[in-house]
Amino acid sequence: MTIRNPWRSTWLPASILCLCLVGCGPGDQLHVTAIQLGRSLNADNTVSSFTSRFAPNDAVYVSVLTTAGSGTIGVRWTYGTRVVGEAKKPVSLRDTAATEFRLQSAARFPPGDYGVEVFVDGQSAGKRTFAVEQTR
């Protein structure tokens, strides 16, 4: 007489289902599809008007468009070689989406060359350069 373990017959299908769920959707790593730079955002966090020229009192937005997945998106803002800001946002997305970051100065930005580098889980995903120009 053989005694059957009821857990044995359900363990394999349940394990396969769990592996399939883990391998799909937000468990995947994020991939950057675009980096947008501008002065304002749309409701979906994409940049509404692209530019790489800013006035000293403008807010600077970077929008990071990614595929579905999970991870941490970070940005590092620079003025010349000096880091002037850093931020990170953990995200878990079921669809493509845009994650926004803003750089703003209460005391106005000095004119010059700036940059923003985007990171996904600590790995560089791209850079954008921009300039702040003296208003006339």
N, C-alpha and C. Protein backbone atom coordinates (compact mmCIF):
# COMPACT_ATOMS: atom_id res chain seq x y z
N MET A 1 0.83 -1.16 0.00
CA MET A 1 0.00 0.00 0.00
C MET A 1 0.89 1.24 0.00
N THR A 2 0.58 2.19 -0.91
CA THR A 2 1.34 3.42 -1.02
C THR A 2 0.53 4.56 -0.43
N ILE A 3 1.18 5.32 0.40
CA ILE A 3 0.52 6.48 1.00
C ILE A 3 0.92 7.70 0.19
N ARG A 4 -0.06 8.43 -0.29
CA ARG A 4 0.20 9.62 -1.11
C ARG A 4 0.21 10.87 -0.23
N ASN A 5 1.15 11.71 -0.48
CA ASN A 5 1.24 12.98 0.21
C ASN A 5 0.49 14.02 -0.65
N PRO A 6 -0.61 14.59 -0.15
CA PRO A 6 -1.37 15.54 -0.95
C PRO A 6 -0.58 16.81 -1.28
N TRP A 7 0.39 17.17 -0.47
CA TRP A 7 1.20 18.36 -0.74
C TRP A 7 2.12 18.15 -1.93
N ARG A 8 2.52 16.91 -2.16
CA ARG A 8 3.43 16.62 -3.24
C ARG A 8 2.79 16.90 -4.60
N SER A 9 1.52 16.59 -4.74
CA SER A 9 0.85 16.79 -6.03
C SER A 9 0.54 18.27 -6.30
N THR A 10 0.49 19.10 -5.29
CA THR A 10 0.22 20.52 -5.50
C THR A 10 1.48 21.37 -5.40
N TRP A 11 2.54 20.83 -4.84
CA TRP A 11 3.77 21.59 -4.65
C TRP A 11 4.41 22.00 -5.98
N LEU A 12 4.53 21.08 -6.92
CA LEU A 12 5.19 21.38 -8.19
C LEU A 12 4.41 22.43 -9.00
N PRO A 13 3.10 22.26 -9.21
CA PRO A 13 2.38 23.32 -9.95
C PRO A 13 2.43 24.68 -9.24
N ALA A 14 2.32 24.70 -7.93
CA ALA A 14 2.38 25.96 -7.18
C ALA A 14 3.76 26.59 -7.32
N SER A 15 4.81 25.81 -7.30
CA SER A 15 6.17 26.32 -7.45
C SER A 15 6.37 26.93 -8.84
N ILE A 16 5.87 26.25 -9.84
CA ILE A 16 6.00 26.77 -11.20
C ILE A 16 5.24 28.09 -11.34
N LEU A 17 4.05 28.17 -10.78
CA LEU A 17 3.27 29.40 -10.83
C LEU A 17 4.02 30.54 -10.14
N CYS A 18 4.59 30.30 -8.97
CA CYS A 18 5.34 31.33 -8.25
C CYS A 18 6.53 31.81 -9.07
N LEU A 19 7.26 30.89 -9.69
CA LEU A 19 8.41 31.27 -10.50
C LEU A 19 7.98 32.11 -11.69
N CYS A 20 6.85 31.78 -12.29
CA CYS A 20 6.35 32.57 -13.42
C CYS A 20 5.98 33.97 -12.97
N LEU A 21 5.33 34.09 -11.83
CA LEU A 21 4.93 35.41 -11.33
C LEU A 21 6.14 36.24 -10.96
N VAL A 22 7.15 35.64 -10.38
CA VAL A 22 8.36 36.37 -10.00
C VAL A 22 9.10 36.83 -11.25
N GLY A 23 9.07 36.07 -12.31
CA GLY A 23 9.79 36.41 -13.53
C GLY A 23 9.08 37.40 -14.42
N CYS A 24 7.92 37.89 -14.04
CA CYS A 24 7.15 38.80 -14.87
C CYS A 24 6.88 40.11 -14.13
N GLY A 25 6.60 41.14 -14.90
CA GLY A 25 6.09 42.39 -14.34
C GLY A 25 7.08 43.16 -13.50
N PRO A 26 6.60 43.73 -12.39
CA PRO A 26 7.40 44.65 -11.62
C PRO A 26 8.66 44.05 -11.02
N GLY A 27 8.81 42.73 -11.02
CA GLY A 27 10.03 42.12 -10.53
C GLY A 27 11.19 42.28 -11.48
N ASP A 28 10.91 42.64 -12.75
CA ASP A 28 11.96 42.83 -13.73
C ASP A 28 12.71 44.13 -13.45
N GLN A 29 13.94 44.20 -13.95
CA GLN A 29 14.71 45.43 -13.77
C GLN A 29 14.20 46.50 -14.71
N LEU A 30 14.20 47.73 -14.24
CA LEU A 30 13.81 48.87 -15.07
C LEU A 30 14.84 49.11 -16.17
N HIS A 31 14.36 49.56 -17.32
CA HIS A 31 15.24 49.96 -18.41
C HIS A 31 14.82 51.36 -18.85
N VAL A 32 15.78 52.26 -18.92
CA VAL A 32 15.50 53.64 -19.33
C VAL A 32 15.32 53.68 -20.84
N THR A 33 14.20 54.27 -21.28
CA THR A 33 13.95 54.41 -22.72
C THR A 33 14.17 55.84 -23.20
N ALA A 34 14.10 56.82 -22.30
CA ALA A 34 14.36 58.22 -22.66
C ALA A 34 14.62 59.05 -21.42
N ILE A 35 15.40 60.11 -21.60
CA ILE A 35 15.65 61.09 -20.55
C ILE A 35 15.27 62.44 -21.14
N GLN A 36 14.28 63.09 -20.53
CA GLN A 36 13.77 64.36 -21.03
C GLN A 36 14.14 65.49 -20.07
N LEU A 37 14.42 66.66 -20.62
CA LEU A 37 14.82 67.82 -19.84
C LEU A 37 13.97 69.01 -20.25
N GLY A 38 13.45 69.76 -19.26
CA GLY A 38 12.64 70.93 -19.58
C GLY A 38 12.24 71.73 -18.37
N ARG A 39 11.39 72.75 -18.59
CA ARG A 39 10.96 73.67 -17.52
C ARG A 39 9.67 73.27 -16.84
N SER A 40 8.88 72.42 -17.45
CA SER A 40 7.59 72.05 -16.86
C SER A 40 7.22 70.62 -17.27
N LEU A 41 6.21 70.09 -16.54
CA LEU A 41 5.80 68.70 -16.75
C LEU A 41 4.35 68.60 -17.18
N ASN A 42 4.04 67.53 -17.89
CA ASN A 42 2.66 67.15 -18.19
C ASN A 42 2.11 66.38 -16.99
N ALA A 43 0.82 66.07 -17.02
CA ALA A 43 0.18 65.33 -15.93
C ALA A 43 0.78 63.93 -15.74
N ASP A 44 1.35 63.35 -16.80
CA ASP A 44 1.93 62.00 -16.69
C ASP A 44 3.42 62.03 -16.35
N ASN A 45 3.93 63.17 -15.92
CA ASN A 45 5.33 63.38 -15.51
C ASN A 45 6.32 63.42 -16.67
N THR A 46 5.86 63.45 -17.91
CA THR A 46 6.76 63.69 -19.02
C THR A 46 6.98 65.20 -19.14
N VAL A 47 8.08 65.58 -19.77
CA VAL A 47 8.39 67.00 -19.94
C VAL A 47 7.47 67.59 -21.00
N SER A 48 6.90 68.76 -20.71
CA SER A 48 5.95 69.36 -21.65
C SER A 48 6.62 70.16 -22.76
N SER A 49 7.78 70.71 -22.52
CA SER A 49 8.49 71.48 -23.54
C SER A 49 9.99 71.26 -23.33
N PHE A 50 10.60 70.56 -24.26
CA PHE A 50 12.02 70.22 -24.13
C PHE A 50 12.90 71.45 -24.31
N THR A 51 13.93 71.55 -23.47
CA THR A 51 14.91 72.61 -23.62
C THR A 51 16.19 72.22 -22.89
N SER A 52 17.28 72.84 -23.30
CA SER A 52 18.55 72.68 -22.58
C SER A 52 19.10 74.05 -22.19
N ARG A 53 18.26 75.10 -22.29
CA ARG A 53 18.64 76.46 -21.91
C ARG A 53 17.65 76.97 -20.86
N PHE A 54 18.19 77.44 -19.74
CA PHE A 54 17.35 77.86 -18.62
C PHE A 54 17.78 79.23 -18.13
N ALA A 55 16.84 79.94 -17.52
CA ALA A 55 17.12 81.21 -16.86
C ALA A 55 17.50 80.92 -15.41
N PRO A 56 18.18 81.84 -14.74
CA PRO A 56 18.61 81.60 -13.36
C PRO A 56 17.49 81.28 -12.37
N ASN A 57 16.27 81.73 -12.64
CA ASN A 57 15.17 81.47 -11.70
C ASN A 57 14.26 80.32 -12.14
N ASP A 58 14.58 79.63 -13.24
CA ASP A 58 13.77 78.50 -13.71
C ASP A 58 13.94 77.27 -12.81
N ALA A 59 12.91 76.45 -12.76
CA ALA A 59 13.03 75.10 -12.23
C ALA A 59 13.47 74.22 -13.39
N VAL A 60 14.34 73.26 -13.11
CA VAL A 60 14.82 72.34 -14.15
C VAL A 60 14.25 70.96 -13.82
N TYR A 61 13.54 70.39 -14.79
CA TYR A 61 12.94 69.06 -14.60
C TYR A 61 13.64 68.06 -15.49
N VAL A 62 13.87 66.88 -14.95
CA VAL A 62 14.29 65.75 -15.76
C VAL A 62 13.24 64.66 -15.56
N SER A 63 12.81 64.08 -16.67
CA SER A 63 11.82 63.01 -16.63
C SER A 63 12.49 61.77 -17.19
N VAL A 64 12.44 60.69 -16.42
CA VAL A 64 13.08 59.44 -16.80
C VAL A 64 11.99 58.45 -17.22
N LEU A 65 11.95 58.13 -18.50
CA LEU A 65 10.96 57.18 -19.01
C LEU A 65 11.55 55.78 -18.96
N THR A 66 10.78 54.85 -18.39
CA THR A 66 11.28 53.49 -18.20
C THR A 66 10.24 52.46 -18.61
N THR A 67 10.72 51.24 -18.79
CA THR A 67 9.86 50.10 -19.02
C THR A 67 9.29 49.64 -17.68
N ALA A 68 8.37 48.69 -17.72
CA ALA A 68 7.83 48.12 -16.49
C ALA A 68 8.95 47.42 -15.73
N GLY A 69 8.84 47.41 -14.41
CA GLY A 69 9.84 46.74 -13.58
C GLY A 69 9.99 47.44 -12.25
N SER A 70 10.96 46.98 -11.49
CA SER A 70 11.22 47.55 -10.16
C SER A 70 12.68 47.94 -10.06
N GLY A 71 12.92 48.96 -9.27
CA GLY A 71 14.29 49.39 -9.03
C GLY A 71 14.29 50.77 -8.40
N THR A 72 15.48 51.34 -8.30
CA THR A 72 15.64 52.68 -7.76
C THR A 72 16.22 53.56 -8.84
N ILE A 73 15.51 54.65 -9.13
CA ILE A 73 15.98 55.63 -10.09
C ILE A 73 16.60 56.77 -9.29
N GLY A 74 17.79 57.16 -9.68
CA GLY A 74 18.47 58.26 -9.01
C GLY A 74 18.99 59.26 -10.02
N VAL A 75 19.21 60.48 -9.56
CA VAL A 75 19.81 61.52 -10.39
C VAL A 75 20.88 62.24 -9.60
N ARG A 76 21.88 62.71 -10.33
CA ARG A 76 22.94 63.54 -9.74
C ARG A 76 23.06 64.78 -10.60
N TRP A 77 22.77 65.94 -10.00
CA TRP A 77 22.85 67.23 -10.67
C TRP A 77 24.23 67.83 -10.44
N THR A 78 24.84 68.38 -11.49
CA THR A 78 26.17 68.98 -11.35
C THR A 78 26.21 70.37 -11.96
N TYR A 79 27.06 71.21 -11.39
CA TYR A 79 27.39 72.54 -11.91
C TYR A 79 28.89 72.51 -12.12
N GLY A 80 29.31 72.42 -13.37
CA GLY A 80 30.73 72.18 -13.65
C GLY A 80 31.08 70.80 -13.13
N THR A 81 32.02 70.74 -12.20
CA THR A 81 32.40 69.45 -11.62
C THR A 81 31.81 69.25 -10.22
N ARG A 82 31.09 70.26 -9.73
CA ARG A 82 30.54 70.21 -8.37
C ARG A 82 29.14 69.60 -8.36
N VAL A 83 28.90 68.66 -7.46
CA VAL A 83 27.57 68.08 -7.29
C VAL A 83 26.71 69.08 -6.53
N VAL A 84 25.55 69.44 -7.12
CA VAL A 84 24.66 70.42 -6.49
C VAL A 84 23.34 69.80 -6.02
N GLY A 85 23.16 68.52 -6.29
CA GLY A 85 21.94 67.85 -5.82
C GLY A 85 21.93 66.39 -6.22
N GLU A 86 21.31 65.59 -5.38
CA GLU A 86 21.12 64.16 -5.66
C GLU A 86 19.77 63.75 -5.10
N ALA A 87 19.12 62.82 -5.78
CA ALA A 87 17.84 62.30 -5.31
C ALA A 87 17.65 60.89 -5.82
N LYS A 88 16.88 60.10 -5.07
CA LYS A 88 16.56 58.73 -5.47
C LYS A 88 15.09 58.46 -5.20
N LYS A 89 14.49 57.66 -6.08
CA LYS A 89 13.10 57.25 -5.89
C LYS A 89 12.97 55.76 -6.20
N PRO A 90 12.50 54.97 -5.21
CA PRO A 90 12.22 53.56 -5.52
C PRO A 90 10.91 53.49 -6.31
N VAL A 91 10.90 52.69 -7.38
CA VAL A 91 9.69 52.56 -8.19
C VAL A 91 9.41 51.09 -8.47
N SER A 92 8.13 50.79 -8.63
CA SER A 92 7.67 49.47 -9.03
C SER A 92 6.54 49.70 -10.01
N LEU A 93 6.81 49.47 -11.28
CA LEU A 93 5.89 49.83 -12.35
C LEU A 93 5.36 48.60 -13.08
N ARG A 94 4.08 48.60 -13.35
CA ARG A 94 3.46 47.52 -14.12
C ARG A 94 3.37 47.85 -15.60
N ASP A 95 3.72 49.09 -15.96
CA ASP A 95 3.67 49.54 -17.34
C ASP A 95 4.77 50.58 -17.53
N THR A 96 4.99 51.01 -18.75
CA THR A 96 5.95 52.08 -18.97
C THR A 96 5.46 53.33 -18.25
N ALA A 97 6.40 54.12 -17.77
CA ALA A 97 6.01 55.31 -17.00
C ALA A 97 7.17 56.31 -16.99
N ALA A 98 6.87 57.51 -16.49
CA ALA A 98 7.87 58.56 -16.34
C ALA A 98 8.01 58.91 -14.86
N THR A 99 9.24 59.02 -14.42
CA THR A 99 9.55 59.42 -13.05
C THR A 99 10.27 60.76 -13.13
N GLU A 100 9.78 61.74 -12.39
CA GLU A 100 10.34 63.09 -12.50
C GLU A 100 11.19 63.48 -11.30
N PHE A 101 12.16 64.35 -11.60
CA PHE A 101 13.01 64.95 -10.58
C PHE A 101 13.12 66.44 -10.91
N ARG A 102 13.28 67.26 -9.88
CA ARG A 102 13.34 68.71 -10.08
C ARG A 102 14.54 69.29 -9.36
N LEU A 103 15.18 70.23 -10.01
CA LEU A 103 16.25 71.01 -9.41
C LEU A 103 15.79 72.46 -9.42
N GLN A 104 15.78 73.07 -8.25
CA GLN A 104 15.35 74.46 -8.14
C GLN A 104 16.21 75.14 -7.09
N SER A 105 16.48 76.42 -7.32
CA SER A 105 17.31 77.19 -6.39
C SER A 105 16.52 78.40 -5.89
N ALA A 106 16.45 78.54 -4.59
CA ALA A 106 15.78 79.70 -4.01
C ALA A 106 16.58 80.97 -4.25
N ALA A 107 17.89 80.82 -4.41
CA ALA A 107 18.76 81.98 -4.58
C ALA A 107 19.14 82.22 -6.04
N ARG A 108 18.53 81.56 -6.99
CA ARG A 108 18.82 81.65 -8.42
C ARG A 108 20.10 80.89 -8.76
N PHE A 109 20.07 80.24 -9.90
CA PHE A 109 21.24 79.50 -10.37
C PHE A 109 22.26 80.45 -10.98
N PRO A 110 23.54 80.25 -10.69
CA PRO A 110 24.55 81.05 -11.38
C PRO A 110 24.64 80.59 -12.84
N PRO A 111 24.90 81.52 -13.76
CA PRO A 111 25.05 81.12 -15.16
C PRO A 111 26.21 80.14 -15.32
N GLY A 112 26.06 79.23 -16.27
CA GLY A 112 27.13 78.27 -16.55
C GLY A 112 26.59 76.95 -17.08
N ASP A 113 27.49 75.98 -17.16
CA ASP A 113 27.16 74.66 -17.69
C ASP A 113 26.81 73.71 -16.55
N TYR A 114 25.73 72.98 -16.74
CA TYR A 114 25.21 72.04 -15.76
C TYR A 114 25.03 70.68 -16.42
N GLY A 115 24.77 69.68 -15.59
CA GLY A 115 24.48 68.35 -16.10
C GLY A 115 23.63 67.56 -15.13
N VAL A 116 22.99 66.53 -15.65
CA VAL A 116 22.25 65.60 -14.80
C VAL A 116 22.56 64.20 -15.32
N GLU A 117 22.93 63.32 -14.39
CA GLU A 117 23.16 61.93 -14.73
C GLU A 117 22.09 61.09 -14.06
N VAL A 118 21.53 60.14 -14.82
CA VAL A 118 20.47 59.27 -14.33
C VAL A 118 21.07 57.90 -14.03
N PHE A 119 20.63 57.32 -12.91
CA PHE A 119 21.09 56.00 -12.48
C PHE A 119 19.89 55.09 -12.25
N VAL A 120 20.05 53.82 -12.58
CA VAL A 120 19.06 52.80 -12.22
C VAL A 120 19.81 51.76 -11.39
N ASP A 121 19.37 51.61 -10.16
CA ASP A 121 20.02 50.68 -9.22
C ASP A 121 21.52 50.92 -9.16
N GLY A 122 21.92 52.20 -9.14
CA GLY A 122 23.32 52.56 -8.99
C GLY A 122 24.14 52.55 -10.27
N GLN A 123 23.57 52.10 -11.39
CA GLN A 123 24.30 52.03 -12.66
C GLN A 123 23.88 53.20 -13.55
N SER A 124 24.85 53.88 -14.14
CA SER A 124 24.54 55.02 -14.99
C SER A 124 23.67 54.59 -16.18
N ALA A 125 22.62 55.37 -16.43
CA ALA A 125 21.71 55.08 -17.54
C ALA A 125 21.72 56.19 -18.58
N GLY A 126 22.49 57.25 -18.34
CA GLY A 126 22.59 58.33 -19.31
C GLY A 126 22.78 59.68 -18.66
N LYS A 127 23.19 60.65 -19.48
CA LYS A 127 23.45 62.01 -19.00
C LYS A 127 22.81 63.01 -19.95
N ARG A 128 22.49 64.17 -19.42
CA ARG A 128 22.03 65.30 -20.21
C ARG A 128 22.77 66.53 -19.70
N THR A 129 23.14 67.40 -20.62
CA THR A 129 23.79 68.66 -20.25
C THR A 129 22.82 69.80 -20.55
N PHE A 130 22.97 70.89 -19.79
CA PHE A 130 22.15 72.07 -20.01
C PHE A 130 22.90 73.28 -19.52
N ALA A 131 22.41 74.44 -19.90
CA ALA A 131 23.07 75.68 -19.51
C ALA A 131 22.08 76.63 -18.88
N VAL A 132 22.58 77.38 -17.90
CA VAL A 132 21.82 78.49 -17.31
C VAL A 132 22.46 79.75 -17.88
N GLU A 133 21.61 80.57 -18.49
CA GLU A 133 22.09 81.78 -19.15
C GLU A 133 21.60 83.01 -18.41
N GLN A 134 22.44 84.01 -18.36
CA GLN A 134 22.07 85.29 -17.74
C GLN A 134 20.89 85.88 -18.49
N THR A 135 19.89 86.34 -17.76
CA THR A 135 18.74 86.98 -18.40
C THR A 135 19.15 88.36 -18.90
N ARG A 136 18.53 88.80 -19.98
CA ARG A 136 18.90 90.09 -20.58
C ARG A 136 17.96 91.16 -20.18
